[in-house]
Amino acid sequence: MKNLSELLSAVMCDRDITPDAVPMLDLYMDQVLTLFNEGLQENKRYPQDKLLTKTMINNYSKEKLLLPVKGKKYTRQHIIQMLCIYHLKQTLSLADVKALIGRNDVDFEQCFNEFLENKQHLREIISEQLAAHLDVDLTNPNEVLTFCLSLSAASTYLQRLCQTIIDARAAEQ
């Protein structure tokens, strides 16, 4: 098994589709799926995983997570919304994602660009902190379990923080 530093490097080198890579032209559903599945291919856990499907897009539209679609084409705005959904649904429920995304008063492109900058900064911070504070023997099953429990707890705290922010905004409105 690789050491923690090698694993962190592998995990932190995920790929993103930047707004600049999203075509200015409206895309049909199959083109959107190709953009996601090719652009984010390295983010798959297993090669057969689907990052986005027709059913998912239809459900996002039906649940009003996406701005209304005109015809059968998706605009840059729709695609950037889908990128936001893709990232948020990793940890949040669709209801929470809808509270953040199902709006027309947000500049999704600006938010997504800032997110990508923050994400790069987080990669550096997380790698440094884990390497500096957690010495894990990945051949020891007890240490692996303890480490994964600790990572899961950190993930839970961050998820709860998102949920608390969403709930506070809902209460204000």
N, C-alpha and C. Protein backbone atom coordinates (compact mmCIF):
# COMPACT_ATOMS: atom_id res chain seq x y z
N MET A 1 0.85 -1.19 0.00
CA MET A 1 0.00 0.00 0.00
C MET A 1 0.89 1.24 0.00
N LYS A 2 0.43 2.28 -0.64
CA LYS A 2 1.15 3.54 -0.69
C LYS A 2 1.15 4.18 0.69
N ASN A 3 2.07 5.12 0.90
CA ASN A 3 2.07 5.84 2.17
C ASN A 3 1.06 6.99 2.10
N LEU A 4 0.80 7.61 3.23
CA LEU A 4 -0.23 8.64 3.32
C LEU A 4 0.07 9.80 2.38
N SER A 5 1.31 10.19 2.28
CA SER A 5 1.68 11.30 1.41
C SER A 5 1.34 11.01 -0.05
N GLU A 6 1.61 9.79 -0.49
CA GLU A 6 1.28 9.40 -1.87
C GLU A 6 -0.23 9.36 -2.08
N LEU A 7 -0.96 8.86 -1.08
CA LEU A 7 -2.42 8.81 -1.19
C LEU A 7 -3.02 10.22 -1.24
N LEU A 8 -2.49 11.11 -0.41
CA LEU A 8 -2.97 12.49 -0.43
C LEU A 8 -2.73 13.13 -1.79
N SER A 9 -1.56 12.92 -2.35
CA SER A 9 -1.25 13.47 -3.67
C SER A 9 -2.23 12.94 -4.72
N ALA A 10 -2.52 11.66 -4.66
CA ALA A 10 -3.44 11.06 -5.63
C ALA A 10 -4.85 11.61 -5.46
N VAL A 11 -5.30 11.75 -4.23
CA VAL A 11 -6.66 12.22 -3.96
C VAL A 11 -6.82 13.70 -4.29
N MET A 12 -5.80 14.47 -4.06
CA MET A 12 -5.89 15.92 -4.23
C MET A 12 -5.67 16.37 -5.68
N CYS A 13 -5.44 15.44 -6.57
CA CYS A 13 -5.19 15.85 -7.96
C CYS A 13 -6.42 15.59 -8.83
N ASP A 14 -7.60 15.72 -8.24
CA ASP A 14 -8.82 15.57 -9.03
C ASP A 14 -8.88 16.67 -10.08
N ARG A 15 -9.70 16.46 -11.05
CA ARG A 15 -9.81 17.40 -12.16
C ARG A 15 -11.11 18.17 -12.08
N ASP A 16 -11.10 19.37 -12.60
CA ASP A 16 -12.30 20.18 -12.63
C ASP A 16 -12.53 20.69 -14.04
N ILE A 17 -13.78 20.92 -14.35
CA ILE A 17 -14.14 21.63 -15.57
C ILE A 17 -14.27 23.09 -15.17
N THR A 18 -13.46 23.94 -15.75
CA THR A 18 -13.52 25.35 -15.42
C THR A 18 -14.58 26.03 -16.29
N PRO A 19 -15.14 27.13 -15.83
CA PRO A 19 -16.11 27.84 -16.67
C PRO A 19 -15.55 28.20 -18.05
N ASP A 20 -14.25 28.46 -18.12
CA ASP A 20 -13.64 28.77 -19.42
C ASP A 20 -13.72 27.59 -20.38
N ALA A 21 -13.81 26.37 -19.84
CA ALA A 21 -13.88 25.18 -20.68
C ALA A 21 -15.31 24.86 -21.13
N VAL A 22 -16.27 25.59 -20.59
CA VAL A 22 -17.67 25.38 -20.97
C VAL A 22 -17.93 26.20 -22.24
N PRO A 23 -18.40 25.56 -23.29
CA PRO A 23 -18.63 26.28 -24.55
C PRO A 23 -19.63 27.41 -24.40
N MET A 24 -19.45 28.44 -25.20
CA MET A 24 -20.39 29.57 -25.22
C MET A 24 -21.69 29.17 -25.89
N LEU A 25 -21.66 28.14 -26.70
CA LEU A 25 -22.84 27.68 -27.41
C LEU A 25 -23.69 26.79 -26.51
N ASP A 26 -24.99 26.79 -26.72
CA ASP A 26 -25.87 25.89 -25.98
C ASP A 26 -25.62 24.46 -26.44
N LEU A 27 -25.74 23.52 -25.51
CA LEU A 27 -25.45 22.12 -25.79
C LEU A 27 -26.69 21.25 -25.60
N TYR A 28 -26.76 20.20 -26.41
CA TYR A 28 -27.78 19.18 -26.22
C TYR A 28 -27.38 18.29 -25.05
N MET A 29 -28.33 17.55 -24.53
CA MET A 29 -28.09 16.68 -23.37
C MET A 29 -26.88 15.77 -23.58
N ASP A 30 -26.79 15.09 -24.72
CA ASP A 30 -25.67 14.18 -24.96
C ASP A 30 -24.33 14.91 -24.94
N GLN A 31 -24.30 16.14 -25.41
CA GLN A 31 -23.06 16.92 -25.38
C GLN A 31 -22.69 17.30 -23.95
N VAL A 32 -23.70 17.62 -23.14
CA VAL A 32 -23.45 17.93 -21.72
C VAL A 32 -22.87 16.69 -21.03
N LEU A 33 -23.47 15.53 -21.27
CA LEU A 33 -22.99 14.29 -20.66
C LEU A 33 -21.56 14.00 -21.07
N THR A 34 -21.24 14.21 -22.34
CA THR A 34 -19.87 13.99 -22.82
C THR A 34 -18.91 14.95 -22.14
N LEU A 35 -19.28 16.21 -22.03
CA LEU A 35 -18.44 17.20 -21.36
C LEU A 35 -18.11 16.77 -19.93
N PHE A 36 -19.12 16.34 -19.19
CA PHE A 36 -18.92 15.92 -17.80
C PHE A 36 -18.11 14.62 -17.72
N ASN A 37 -18.52 13.63 -18.48
CA ASN A 37 -17.88 12.32 -18.34
C ASN A 37 -16.45 12.30 -18.87
N GLU A 38 -16.13 13.16 -19.82
CA GLU A 38 -14.74 13.24 -20.27
C GLU A 38 -13.94 14.22 -19.42
N GLY A 39 -14.55 15.35 -19.08
CA GLY A 39 -13.85 16.38 -18.32
C GLY A 39 -13.57 16.01 -16.87
N LEU A 40 -14.41 15.14 -16.31
CA LEU A 40 -14.26 14.75 -14.90
C LEU A 40 -13.92 13.27 -14.75
N GLN A 41 -13.50 12.65 -15.82
CA GLN A 41 -13.23 11.21 -15.84
C GLN A 41 -12.28 10.76 -14.73
N GLU A 42 -11.29 11.57 -14.44
CA GLU A 42 -10.30 11.20 -13.42
C GLU A 42 -10.86 11.24 -12.00
N ASN A 43 -12.04 11.80 -11.83
CA ASN A 43 -12.67 11.89 -10.52
C ASN A 43 -13.49 10.66 -10.16
N LYS A 44 -13.62 9.75 -11.10
CA LYS A 44 -14.42 8.56 -10.85
C LYS A 44 -13.69 7.61 -9.90
N ARG A 45 -14.43 7.02 -9.01
CA ARG A 45 -13.84 6.00 -8.15
C ARG A 45 -13.59 4.72 -8.94
N TYR A 46 -14.59 4.35 -9.74
CA TYR A 46 -14.49 3.17 -10.61
C TYR A 46 -14.72 3.61 -12.04
N PRO A 47 -14.02 3.01 -12.99
CA PRO A 47 -14.16 3.44 -14.40
C PRO A 47 -15.60 3.41 -14.92
N GLN A 48 -16.42 2.50 -14.43
CA GLN A 48 -17.79 2.39 -14.93
C GLN A 48 -18.75 3.40 -14.29
N ASP A 49 -18.31 4.14 -13.29
CA ASP A 49 -19.17 5.12 -12.63
C ASP A 49 -19.61 6.19 -13.62
N LYS A 50 -20.85 6.65 -13.44
CA LYS A 50 -21.40 7.75 -14.24
C LYS A 50 -21.48 8.97 -13.33
N LEU A 51 -20.86 10.05 -13.75
CA LEU A 51 -20.87 11.26 -12.95
C LEU A 51 -22.14 12.07 -13.16
N LEU A 52 -22.72 11.92 -14.34
CA LEU A 52 -23.95 12.61 -14.67
C LEU A 52 -24.68 11.77 -15.70
N THR A 53 -25.99 11.65 -15.52
CA THR A 53 -26.80 10.87 -16.45
C THR A 53 -27.99 11.71 -16.91
N LYS A 54 -28.65 11.23 -17.96
CA LYS A 54 -29.87 11.91 -18.44
C LYS A 54 -30.91 11.98 -17.32
N THR A 55 -31.04 10.89 -16.58
CA THR A 55 -32.02 10.85 -15.49
C THR A 55 -31.69 11.90 -14.44
N MET A 56 -30.42 12.03 -14.10
CA MET A 56 -30.04 13.05 -13.11
C MET A 56 -30.41 14.45 -13.60
N ILE A 57 -30.06 14.75 -14.85
CA ILE A 57 -30.37 16.08 -15.39
C ILE A 57 -31.88 16.31 -15.38
N ASN A 58 -32.65 15.31 -15.81
CA ASN A 58 -34.10 15.45 -15.81
C ASN A 58 -34.65 15.66 -14.40
N ASN A 59 -34.09 14.94 -13.44
CA ASN A 59 -34.52 15.12 -12.04
C ASN A 59 -34.15 16.51 -11.52
N TYR A 60 -32.95 17.00 -11.88
CA TYR A 60 -32.55 18.34 -11.44
C TYR A 60 -33.51 19.38 -12.02
N SER A 61 -33.91 19.18 -13.26
CA SER A 61 -34.86 20.11 -13.89
C SER A 61 -36.23 20.03 -13.21
N LYS A 62 -36.70 18.80 -13.00
CA LYS A 62 -38.02 18.59 -12.38
C LYS A 62 -38.06 19.17 -10.97
N GLU A 63 -36.96 19.02 -10.23
CA GLU A 63 -36.90 19.50 -8.85
C GLU A 63 -36.56 20.99 -8.77
N LYS A 64 -36.40 21.63 -9.94
CA LYS A 64 -36.10 23.06 -10.04
C LYS A 64 -34.74 23.43 -9.44
N LEU A 65 -33.78 22.51 -9.55
CA LEU A 65 -32.41 22.84 -9.19
C LEU A 65 -31.75 23.63 -10.31
N LEU A 66 -32.23 23.43 -11.52
CA LEU A 66 -31.72 24.15 -12.68
C LEU A 66 -32.72 25.22 -13.09
N LEU A 67 -32.20 26.30 -13.64
CA LEU A 67 -33.08 27.29 -14.23
C LEU A 67 -33.85 26.62 -15.35
N PRO A 68 -35.04 27.10 -15.68
CA PRO A 68 -35.83 26.45 -16.73
C PRO A 68 -35.07 26.34 -18.05
N VAL A 69 -35.22 25.18 -18.68
CA VAL A 69 -34.55 24.90 -19.95
C VAL A 69 -35.48 25.30 -21.08
N LYS A 70 -34.92 26.00 -22.06
CA LYS A 70 -35.71 26.39 -23.23
C LYS A 70 -35.36 25.43 -24.35
N GLY A 71 -36.35 24.71 -24.82
CA GLY A 71 -36.09 23.73 -25.87
C GLY A 71 -35.35 22.55 -25.29
N LYS A 72 -34.43 22.02 -26.06
CA LYS A 72 -33.67 20.85 -25.61
C LYS A 72 -32.20 21.17 -25.42
N LYS A 73 -31.87 22.45 -25.33
CA LYS A 73 -30.47 22.84 -25.20
C LYS A 73 -30.21 23.45 -23.83
N TYR A 74 -28.99 23.22 -23.36
CA TYR A 74 -28.56 23.72 -22.06
C TYR A 74 -27.53 24.83 -22.27
N THR A 75 -27.75 25.93 -21.58
CA THR A 75 -26.86 27.09 -21.70
C THR A 75 -25.63 26.91 -20.82
N ARG A 76 -24.68 27.82 -20.98
CA ARG A 76 -23.50 27.86 -20.10
C ARG A 76 -23.94 27.92 -18.64
N GLN A 77 -24.95 28.76 -18.38
CA GLN A 77 -25.46 28.92 -17.01
C GLN A 77 -25.94 27.58 -16.46
N HIS A 78 -26.68 26.81 -17.27
CA HIS A 78 -27.15 25.49 -16.84
C HIS A 78 -25.98 24.57 -16.52
N ILE A 79 -24.99 24.58 -17.39
CA ILE A 79 -23.85 23.68 -17.22
C ILE A 79 -23.07 24.04 -15.96
N ILE A 80 -22.88 25.32 -15.72
CA ILE A 80 -22.17 25.73 -14.50
C ILE A 80 -23.01 25.40 -13.27
N GLN A 81 -24.33 25.54 -13.37
CA GLN A 81 -25.20 25.09 -12.27
C GLN A 81 -25.01 23.59 -12.02
N MET A 82 -24.95 22.81 -13.10
CA MET A 82 -24.75 21.36 -12.95
C MET A 82 -23.41 21.05 -12.31
N LEU A 83 -22.39 21.84 -12.63
CA LEU A 83 -21.09 21.64 -11.98
C LEU A 83 -21.19 21.91 -10.48
N CYS A 84 -21.92 22.95 -10.13
CA CYS A 84 -22.13 23.24 -8.70
C CYS A 84 -22.88 22.09 -8.02
N ILE A 85 -23.91 21.60 -8.68
CA ILE A 85 -24.70 20.49 -8.13
C ILE A 85 -23.80 19.27 -7.95
N TYR A 86 -22.99 18.98 -8.96
CA TYR A 86 -22.09 17.83 -8.90
C TYR A 86 -21.22 17.89 -7.64
N HIS A 87 -20.69 19.05 -7.33
CA HIS A 87 -19.82 19.17 -6.16
C HIS A 87 -20.61 19.14 -4.85
N LEU A 88 -21.74 19.82 -4.81
CA LEU A 88 -22.50 19.88 -3.57
C LEU A 88 -23.17 18.56 -3.20
N LYS A 89 -23.62 17.82 -4.20
CA LYS A 89 -24.36 16.59 -3.88
C LYS A 89 -23.46 15.50 -3.32
N GLN A 90 -22.16 15.73 -3.31
CA GLN A 90 -21.25 14.77 -2.70
C GLN A 90 -21.48 14.68 -1.19
N THR A 91 -21.95 15.80 -0.60
CA THR A 91 -22.12 15.82 0.86
C THR A 91 -23.48 16.31 1.32
N LEU A 92 -24.23 16.97 0.46
CA LEU A 92 -25.50 17.55 0.89
C LEU A 92 -26.68 16.83 0.23
N SER A 93 -27.81 16.89 0.89
CA SER A 93 -29.04 16.35 0.31
C SER A 93 -29.46 17.23 -0.86
N LEU A 94 -30.30 16.69 -1.73
CA LEU A 94 -30.78 17.50 -2.86
C LEU A 94 -31.61 18.69 -2.38
N ALA A 95 -32.30 18.54 -1.26
CA ALA A 95 -33.06 19.67 -0.71
C ALA A 95 -32.11 20.80 -0.31
N ASP A 96 -30.98 20.45 0.30
CA ASP A 96 -30.00 21.46 0.67
C ASP A 96 -29.35 22.07 -0.57
N VAL A 97 -29.06 21.23 -1.55
CA VAL A 97 -28.48 21.74 -2.81
C VAL A 97 -29.46 22.71 -3.46
N LYS A 98 -30.73 22.36 -3.45
CA LYS A 98 -31.76 23.23 -4.05
C LYS A 98 -31.80 24.59 -3.34
N ALA A 99 -31.65 24.59 -2.03
CA ALA A 99 -31.67 25.85 -1.29
C ALA A 99 -30.53 26.77 -1.73
N LEU A 100 -29.45 26.19 -2.19
CA LEU A 100 -28.30 26.99 -2.63
C LEU A 100 -28.33 27.29 -4.13
N ILE A 101 -28.75 26.32 -4.91
CA ILE A 101 -28.64 26.38 -6.37
C ILE A 101 -29.93 26.80 -7.06
N GLY A 102 -31.06 26.43 -6.52
CA GLY A 102 -32.34 26.67 -7.20
C GLY A 102 -32.77 28.12 -7.13
N ARG A 103 -31.92 29.00 -7.57
CA ARG A 103 -32.17 30.45 -7.47
C ARG A 103 -31.79 31.12 -8.79
N ASN A 104 -32.33 32.28 -9.03
CA ASN A 104 -31.90 33.01 -10.22
C ASN A 104 -31.20 34.30 -9.86
N ASP A 105 -30.87 34.49 -8.57
CA ASP A 105 -30.20 35.71 -8.14
C ASP A 105 -28.72 35.46 -7.80
N VAL A 106 -28.15 34.38 -8.35
CA VAL A 106 -26.76 34.02 -8.07
C VAL A 106 -25.98 34.05 -9.37
N ASP A 107 -24.77 34.60 -9.32
CA ASP A 107 -23.88 34.57 -10.47
C ASP A 107 -23.07 33.27 -10.36
N PHE A 108 -23.58 32.21 -10.97
CA PHE A 108 -22.98 30.89 -10.82
C PHE A 108 -21.55 30.84 -11.33
N GLU A 109 -21.28 31.54 -12.43
CA GLU A 109 -19.92 31.51 -12.98
C GLU A 109 -18.93 32.15 -12.01
N GLN A 110 -19.27 33.30 -11.46
CA GLN A 110 -18.39 33.96 -10.49
C GLN A 110 -18.18 33.07 -9.27
N CYS A 111 -19.28 32.51 -8.75
CA CYS A 111 -19.18 31.64 -7.57
C CYS A 111 -18.32 30.43 -7.86
N PHE A 112 -18.49 29.83 -9.03
CA PHE A 112 -17.74 28.62 -9.35
C PHE A 112 -16.26 28.93 -9.54
N ASN A 113 -15.93 30.06 -10.15
CA ASN A 113 -14.52 30.45 -10.29
C ASN A 113 -13.88 30.66 -8.91
N GLU A 114 -14.60 31.33 -8.02
CA GLU A 114 -14.07 31.55 -6.67
C GLU A 114 -13.94 30.23 -5.92
N PHE A 115 -14.91 29.34 -6.12
CA PHE A 115 -14.84 28.01 -5.52
C PHE A 115 -13.58 27.28 -5.97
N LEU A 116 -13.26 27.33 -7.26
CA LEU A 116 -12.07 26.63 -7.76
C LEU A 116 -10.79 27.19 -7.14
N GLU A 117 -10.74 28.50 -6.93
CA GLU A 117 -9.59 29.10 -6.25
C GLU A 117 -9.52 28.61 -4.80
N ASN A 118 -10.66 28.62 -4.11
CA ASN A 118 -10.70 28.15 -2.72
C ASN A 118 -10.32 26.67 -2.63
N LYS A 119 -10.78 25.90 -3.60
CA LYS A 119 -10.50 24.46 -3.60
C LYS A 119 -8.99 24.21 -3.71
N GLN A 120 -8.32 24.99 -4.54
CA GLN A 120 -6.87 24.83 -4.68
C GLN A 120 -6.18 25.15 -3.35
N HIS A 121 -6.63 26.20 -2.70
CA HIS A 121 -6.06 26.57 -1.40
C HIS A 121 -6.33 25.47 -0.36
N LEU A 122 -7.53 24.91 -0.37
CA LEU A 122 -7.87 23.83 0.56
C LEU A 122 -7.01 22.59 0.33
N ARG A 123 -6.72 22.29 -0.93
CA ARG A 123 -5.84 21.14 -1.22
C ARG A 123 -4.51 21.28 -0.49
N GLU A 124 -3.95 22.48 -0.55
CA GLU A 124 -2.66 22.73 0.09
C GLU A 124 -2.76 22.63 1.61
N ILE A 125 -3.78 23.27 2.16
CA ILE A 125 -3.94 23.29 3.62
C ILE A 125 -4.20 21.88 4.16
N ILE A 126 -5.11 21.17 3.53
CA ILE A 126 -5.47 19.83 4.02
C ILE A 126 -4.29 18.90 3.95
N SER A 127 -3.57 18.91 2.85
CA SER A 127 -2.41 18.04 2.72
C SER A 127 -1.37 18.35 3.78
N GLU A 128 -1.09 19.63 3.97
CA GLU A 128 -0.10 20.03 4.98
C GLU A 128 -0.53 19.61 6.38
N GLN A 129 -1.79 19.87 6.72
CA GLN A 129 -2.28 19.56 8.06
C GLN A 129 -2.29 18.06 8.35
N LEU A 130 -2.77 17.28 7.39
CA LEU A 130 -2.81 15.84 7.61
C LEU A 130 -1.40 15.26 7.72
N ALA A 131 -0.51 15.71 6.87
CA ALA A 131 0.86 15.21 6.90
C ALA A 131 1.57 15.62 8.20
N ALA A 132 1.29 16.82 8.68
CA ALA A 132 1.96 17.33 9.88
C ALA A 132 1.41 16.75 11.17
N HIS A 133 0.11 16.44 11.21
CA HIS A 133 -0.51 16.08 12.48
C HIS A 133 -0.95 14.63 12.61
N LEU A 134 -0.97 13.93 11.54
CA LEU A 134 -1.45 12.56 11.62
C LEU A 134 -0.42 11.60 11.02
N ASP A 135 0.24 10.89 11.88
CA ASP A 135 1.21 9.89 11.45
C ASP A 135 0.50 8.54 11.46
N VAL A 136 0.23 8.01 10.28
CA VAL A 136 -0.58 6.81 10.17
C VAL A 136 0.22 5.70 9.50
N ASP A 137 0.20 4.55 10.14
CA ASP A 137 0.79 3.35 9.53
C ASP A 137 -0.33 2.64 8.77
N LEU A 138 -0.31 2.78 7.46
CA LEU A 138 -1.41 2.25 6.65
C LEU A 138 -1.38 0.73 6.51
N THR A 139 -0.40 0.08 7.16
CA THR A 139 -0.39 -1.39 7.18
C THR A 139 -1.02 -1.91 8.46
N ASN A 140 -1.30 -1.00 9.40
CA ASN A 140 -1.88 -1.38 10.68
C ASN A 140 -3.40 -1.16 10.62
N PRO A 141 -4.20 -2.24 10.67
CA PRO A 141 -5.66 -2.10 10.54
C PRO A 141 -6.28 -1.20 11.61
N ASN A 142 -5.74 -1.21 12.81
CA ASN A 142 -6.27 -0.35 13.88
C ASN A 142 -6.04 1.12 13.55
N GLU A 143 -4.84 1.44 13.08
CA GLU A 143 -4.55 2.83 12.72
C GLU A 143 -5.37 3.28 11.51
N VAL A 144 -5.58 2.38 10.56
CA VAL A 144 -6.39 2.72 9.38
C VAL A 144 -7.82 3.03 9.80
N LEU A 145 -8.40 2.18 10.65
CA LEU A 145 -9.76 2.43 11.12
C LEU A 145 -9.85 3.74 11.88
N THR A 146 -8.92 3.97 12.79
CA THR A 146 -8.92 5.20 13.59
C THR A 146 -8.79 6.42 12.67
N PHE A 147 -7.91 6.34 11.70
CA PHE A 147 -7.70 7.44 10.76
C PHE A 147 -8.96 7.71 9.93
N CYS A 148 -9.57 6.65 9.42
CA CYS A 148 -10.79 6.82 8.61
C CYS A 148 -11.95 7.35 9.47
N LEU A 149 -12.05 6.92 10.71
CA LEU A 149 -13.06 7.48 11.61
C LEU A 149 -12.82 8.98 11.82
N SER A 150 -11.56 9.37 11.99
CA SER A 150 -11.22 10.77 12.18
C SER A 150 -11.55 11.60 10.95
N LEU A 151 -11.22 11.07 9.76
CA LEU A 151 -11.56 11.76 8.52
C LEU A 151 -13.07 11.88 8.36
N SER A 152 -13.79 10.83 8.71
CA SER A 152 -15.24 10.84 8.63
C SER A 152 -15.82 11.89 9.58
N ALA A 153 -15.26 12.00 10.76
CA ALA A 153 -15.73 13.01 11.72
C ALA A 153 -15.49 14.42 11.17
N ALA A 154 -14.32 14.65 10.59
CA ALA A 154 -14.04 15.96 10.00
C ALA A 154 -15.03 16.27 8.88
N SER A 155 -15.32 15.28 8.07
CA SER A 155 -16.29 15.44 6.98
C SER A 155 -17.68 15.76 7.54
N THR A 156 -18.05 15.09 8.61
CA THR A 156 -19.35 15.32 9.24
C THR A 156 -19.45 16.74 9.79
N TYR A 157 -18.38 17.23 10.43
CA TYR A 157 -18.39 18.60 10.96
C TYR A 157 -18.58 19.61 9.83
N LEU A 158 -17.89 19.40 8.73
CA LEU A 158 -18.00 20.33 7.61
C LEU A 158 -19.38 20.25 6.96
N GLN A 159 -19.92 19.04 6.87
CA GLN A 159 -21.28 18.88 6.33
C GLN A 159 -22.29 19.59 7.23
N ARG A 160 -22.16 19.42 8.53
CA ARG A 160 -23.08 20.07 9.47
C ARG A 160 -22.97 21.59 9.39
N LEU A 161 -21.76 22.09 9.17
CA LEU A 161 -21.58 23.53 9.02
C LEU A 161 -22.36 24.03 7.81
N CYS A 162 -22.25 23.34 6.69
CA CYS A 162 -23.03 23.70 5.49
C CYS A 162 -24.52 23.68 5.80
N GLN A 163 -24.98 22.63 6.44
CA GLN A 163 -26.40 22.50 6.76
C GLN A 163 -26.87 23.62 7.69
N THR A 164 -26.05 23.98 8.66
CA THR A 164 -26.40 25.04 9.60
C THR A 164 -26.50 26.38 8.88
N ILE A 165 -25.58 26.64 7.94
CA ILE A 165 -25.62 27.88 7.16
C ILE A 165 -26.89 27.92 6.30
N ILE A 166 -27.20 26.80 5.65
CA ILE A 166 -28.41 26.72 4.82
C ILE A 166 -29.66 26.94 5.67
N ASP A 167 -29.71 26.30 6.83
CA ASP A 167 -30.86 26.44 7.72
C ASP A 167 -31.01 27.88 8.23
N ALA A 168 -29.89 28.52 8.54
CA ALA A 168 -29.92 29.89 9.04
C ALA A 168 -30.44 30.83 7.95
N ARG A 169 -30.02 30.63 6.71
CA ARG A 169 -30.52 31.46 5.60
C ARG A 169 -32.00 31.25 5.39
N ALA A 170 -32.44 30.00 5.48
CA ALA A 170 -33.87 29.71 5.30
C ALA A 170 -34.70 30.37 6.39
N ALA A 171 -34.19 30.38 7.61
CA ALA A 171 -34.91 30.99 8.72
C ALA A 171 -35.00 32.51 8.54
N GLU A 172 -33.99 33.12 7.95
CA GLU A 172 -33.99 34.56 7.71
C GLU A 172 -34.98 34.96 6.63
N GLN A 173 -35.23 34.07 5.69
CA GLN A 173 -36.12 34.40 4.57
C GLN A 173 -37.50 34.13 4.96
